[in-house]
Amino acid sequence: MSTATDLVDPTLVLLTVEEAARRLSVGRTTCFALIRSGALESLTVGSLRRVPADAPAAYLALRRAEQHTA
């Protein structure tokens, strides 16, 4: 049985850091570290940190490409 936290809303344009972390299967602290390093795109909306909904997939695609070239 799925819960509300398991569901992915495909209409979201921006994700919270927690939602982005969940999509990447990493913790919140790791997600913030990826944002700080510039590896994961984010932006501020007012005082809130948000991650574009396509940024987690773009990060994974980049990491996969790096793995194949190494």
N, C-alpha and C. Protein backbone atom coordinates (compact mmCIF):
# COMPACT_ATOMS: atom_id res chain seq x y z
N MET A 1 0.84 -1.18 0.00
CA MET A 1 0.00 0.00 0.00
C MET A 1 0.88 1.24 0.00
N SER A 2 0.62 2.20 -0.87
CA SER A 2 1.45 3.39 -0.94
C SER A 2 0.87 4.50 -0.06
N THR A 3 1.77 5.33 0.43
CA THR A 3 1.36 6.46 1.25
C THR A 3 1.54 7.73 0.44
N ALA A 4 1.12 8.84 1.00
CA ALA A 4 1.24 10.13 0.31
C ALA A 4 2.70 10.46 0.03
N THR A 5 3.62 10.05 0.89
CA THR A 5 5.03 10.36 0.67
C THR A 5 5.64 9.49 -0.42
N ASP A 6 5.01 8.38 -0.77
CA ASP A 6 5.51 7.51 -1.83
C ASP A 6 5.09 7.99 -3.21
N LEU A 7 4.04 8.80 -3.28
CA LEU A 7 3.50 9.24 -4.56
C LEU A 7 4.35 10.36 -5.13
N VAL A 8 4.52 10.36 -6.45
CA VAL A 8 5.25 11.41 -7.13
C VAL A 8 4.24 12.20 -7.95
N ASP A 9 4.15 13.48 -7.71
CA ASP A 9 3.23 14.35 -8.44
C ASP A 9 3.92 14.83 -9.71
N PRO A 10 3.51 14.34 -10.87
CA PRO A 10 4.19 14.71 -12.12
C PRO A 10 3.94 16.15 -12.53
N THR A 11 3.02 16.85 -11.88
CA THR A 11 2.74 18.23 -12.24
C THR A 11 3.64 19.24 -11.53
N LEU A 12 4.42 18.77 -10.57
CA LEU A 12 5.32 19.68 -9.84
C LEU A 12 6.42 20.19 -10.76
N VAL A 13 6.68 21.47 -10.69
CA VAL A 13 7.76 22.08 -11.46
C VAL A 13 9.00 22.22 -10.58
N LEU A 14 8.78 22.50 -9.31
CA LEU A 14 9.87 22.64 -8.34
C LEU A 14 9.65 21.67 -7.20
N LEU A 15 10.75 21.12 -6.71
CA LEU A 15 10.71 20.18 -5.60
C LEU A 15 11.37 20.80 -4.38
N THR A 16 10.95 20.38 -3.21
CA THR A 16 11.70 20.73 -2.00
C THR A 16 12.98 19.90 -2.02
N VAL A 17 13.92 20.28 -1.19
CA VAL A 17 15.17 19.51 -1.10
C VAL A 17 14.86 18.08 -0.64
N GLU A 18 13.91 17.94 0.26
CA GLU A 18 13.55 16.62 0.76
C GLU A 18 12.96 15.76 -0.36
N GLU A 19 12.11 16.35 -1.21
CA GLU A 19 11.53 15.60 -2.33
C GLU A 19 12.61 15.20 -3.33
N ALA A 20 13.54 16.11 -3.61
CA ALA A 20 14.64 15.80 -4.52
C ALA A 20 15.51 14.69 -3.94
N ALA A 21 15.78 14.76 -2.64
CA ALA A 21 16.58 13.72 -1.99
C ALA A 21 15.89 12.37 -2.08
N ARG A 22 14.58 12.36 -1.89
CA ARG A 22 13.82 11.12 -1.98
C ARG A 22 13.92 10.54 -3.39
N ARG A 23 13.83 11.39 -4.41
CA ARG A 23 13.93 10.91 -5.79
C ARG A 23 15.31 10.34 -6.10
N LEU A 24 16.34 10.89 -5.44
CA LEU A 24 17.70 10.40 -5.65
C LEU A 24 18.07 9.26 -4.69
N SER A 25 17.18 8.95 -3.78
CA SER A 25 17.43 7.93 -2.75
C SER A 25 18.67 8.25 -1.91
N VAL A 26 18.78 9.53 -1.54
CA VAL A 26 19.85 9.97 -0.66
C VAL A 26 19.21 10.76 0.48
N GLY A 27 20.00 11.07 1.46
CA GLY A 27 19.50 11.84 2.59
C GLY A 27 19.47 13.33 2.29
N ARG A 28 18.80 14.05 3.14
CA ARG A 28 18.67 15.50 3.00
C ARG A 28 20.03 16.19 3.04
N THR A 29 20.90 15.78 3.95
CA THR A 29 22.23 16.37 4.07
C THR A 29 23.05 16.14 2.80
N THR A 30 22.99 14.94 2.25
CA THR A 30 23.69 14.65 1.01
C THR A 30 23.15 15.49 -0.13
N CYS A 31 21.86 15.67 -0.17
CA CYS A 31 21.24 16.48 -1.22
C CYS A 31 21.72 17.94 -1.10
N PHE A 32 21.77 18.47 0.10
CA PHE A 32 22.28 19.82 0.29
C PHE A 32 23.76 19.91 -0.12
N ALA A 33 24.54 18.87 0.14
CA ALA A 33 25.95 18.86 -0.27
C ALA A 33 26.06 18.88 -1.80
N LEU A 34 25.19 18.14 -2.49
CA LEU A 34 25.19 18.15 -3.96
C LEU A 34 24.82 19.55 -4.48
N ILE A 35 23.89 20.20 -3.81
CA ILE A 35 23.49 21.55 -4.20
C ILE A 35 24.65 22.52 -3.98
N ARG A 36 25.29 22.45 -2.81
CA ARG A 36 26.42 23.34 -2.50
C ARG A 36 27.56 23.18 -3.48
N SER A 37 27.81 21.95 -3.90
CA SER A 37 28.92 21.69 -4.83
C SER A 37 28.58 22.09 -6.27
N GLY A 38 27.30 22.35 -6.53
CA GLY A 38 26.88 22.71 -7.88
C GLY A 38 26.52 21.51 -8.73
N ALA A 39 26.60 20.32 -8.18
CA ALA A 39 26.28 19.11 -8.93
C ALA A 39 24.78 18.97 -9.18
N LEU A 40 23.98 19.49 -8.28
CA LEU A 40 22.52 19.43 -8.40
C LEU A 40 22.00 20.85 -8.48
N GLU A 41 21.30 21.15 -9.55
CA GLU A 41 20.77 22.50 -9.76
C GLU A 41 19.70 22.83 -8.73
N SER A 42 19.73 24.06 -8.26
CA SER A 42 18.69 24.54 -7.35
C SER A 42 18.56 26.04 -7.51
N LEU A 43 17.52 26.58 -6.95
CA LEU A 43 17.31 28.02 -6.96
C LEU A 43 16.56 28.42 -5.72
N THR A 44 16.58 29.71 -5.43
CA THR A 44 15.82 30.19 -4.28
C THR A 44 14.57 30.89 -4.77
N VAL A 45 13.49 30.63 -4.08
CA VAL A 45 12.23 31.30 -4.33
C VAL A 45 11.89 31.98 -3.00
N GLY A 46 12.10 33.29 -2.97
CA GLY A 46 11.99 34.00 -1.70
C GLY A 46 13.11 33.51 -0.79
N SER A 47 12.76 32.93 0.32
CA SER A 47 13.77 32.38 1.23
C SER A 47 13.84 30.85 1.16
N LEU A 48 13.14 30.27 0.20
CA LEU A 48 13.06 28.81 0.10
C LEU A 48 14.01 28.27 -0.96
N ARG A 49 14.63 27.15 -0.69
CA ARG A 49 15.50 26.47 -1.65
C ARG A 49 14.64 25.45 -2.38
N ARG A 50 14.66 25.50 -3.71
CA ARG A 50 13.88 24.57 -4.52
C ARG A 50 14.77 23.97 -5.60
N VAL A 51 14.43 22.75 -6.00
CA VAL A 51 15.15 22.01 -7.03
C VAL A 51 14.21 21.81 -8.21
N PRO A 52 14.61 22.23 -9.42
CA PRO A 52 13.74 21.97 -10.58
C PRO A 52 13.44 20.48 -10.68
N ALA A 53 12.22 20.15 -11.07
CA ALA A 53 11.78 18.76 -11.09
C ALA A 53 12.63 17.88 -12.00
N ASP A 54 13.24 18.47 -13.04
CA ASP A 54 14.06 17.67 -13.94
C ASP A 54 15.53 17.59 -13.51
N ALA A 55 15.91 18.32 -12.47
CA ALA A 55 17.31 18.35 -12.03
C ALA A 55 17.81 17.01 -11.48
N PRO A 56 17.03 16.26 -10.68
CA PRO A 56 17.54 14.96 -10.22
C PRO A 56 17.85 14.02 -11.38
N ALA A 57 17.00 13.98 -12.40
CA ALA A 57 17.25 13.12 -13.56
C ALA A 57 18.47 13.60 -14.33
N ALA A 58 18.65 14.93 -14.45
CA ALA A 58 19.82 15.48 -15.15
C ALA A 58 21.10 15.13 -14.39
N TYR A 59 21.05 15.21 -13.06
CA TYR A 59 22.21 14.84 -12.25
C TYR A 59 22.58 13.37 -12.47
N LEU A 60 21.58 12.49 -12.46
CA LEU A 60 21.84 11.07 -12.68
C LEU A 60 22.39 10.81 -14.08
N ALA A 61 21.86 11.50 -15.08
CA ALA A 61 22.35 11.32 -16.44
C ALA A 61 23.81 11.74 -16.54
N LEU A 62 24.17 12.84 -15.90
CA LEU A 62 25.56 13.29 -15.90
C LEU A 62 26.47 12.29 -15.21
N ARG A 63 26.03 11.79 -14.06
CA ARG A 63 26.83 10.81 -13.33
C ARG A 63 27.02 9.53 -14.14
N ARG A 64 25.97 9.09 -14.83
CA ARG A 64 26.06 7.89 -15.66
C ARG A 64 27.02 8.11 -16.81
N ALA A 65 26.98 9.29 -17.42
CA ALA A 65 27.89 9.60 -18.53
C ALA A 65 29.34 9.62 -18.03
N GLU A 66 29.56 10.17 -16.83
CA GLU A 66 30.90 10.19 -16.24
C GLU A 66 31.39 8.77 -15.99
N GLN A 67 30.51 7.89 -15.54
CA GLN A 67 30.87 6.50 -15.27
C GLN A 67 31.30 5.79 -16.56
N HIS A 68 30.60 6.08 -17.67
CA HIS A 68 30.91 5.41 -18.94
C HIS A 68 32.21 5.90 -19.54
N THR A 69 32.60 7.16 -19.28
CA THR A 69 33.83 7.69 -19.84
C THR A 69 35.04 7.35 -18.97
N ALA A 70 34.81 6.96 -17.74
CA ALA A 70 35.93 6.66 -16.83
C ALA A 70 36.51 5.27 -17.09
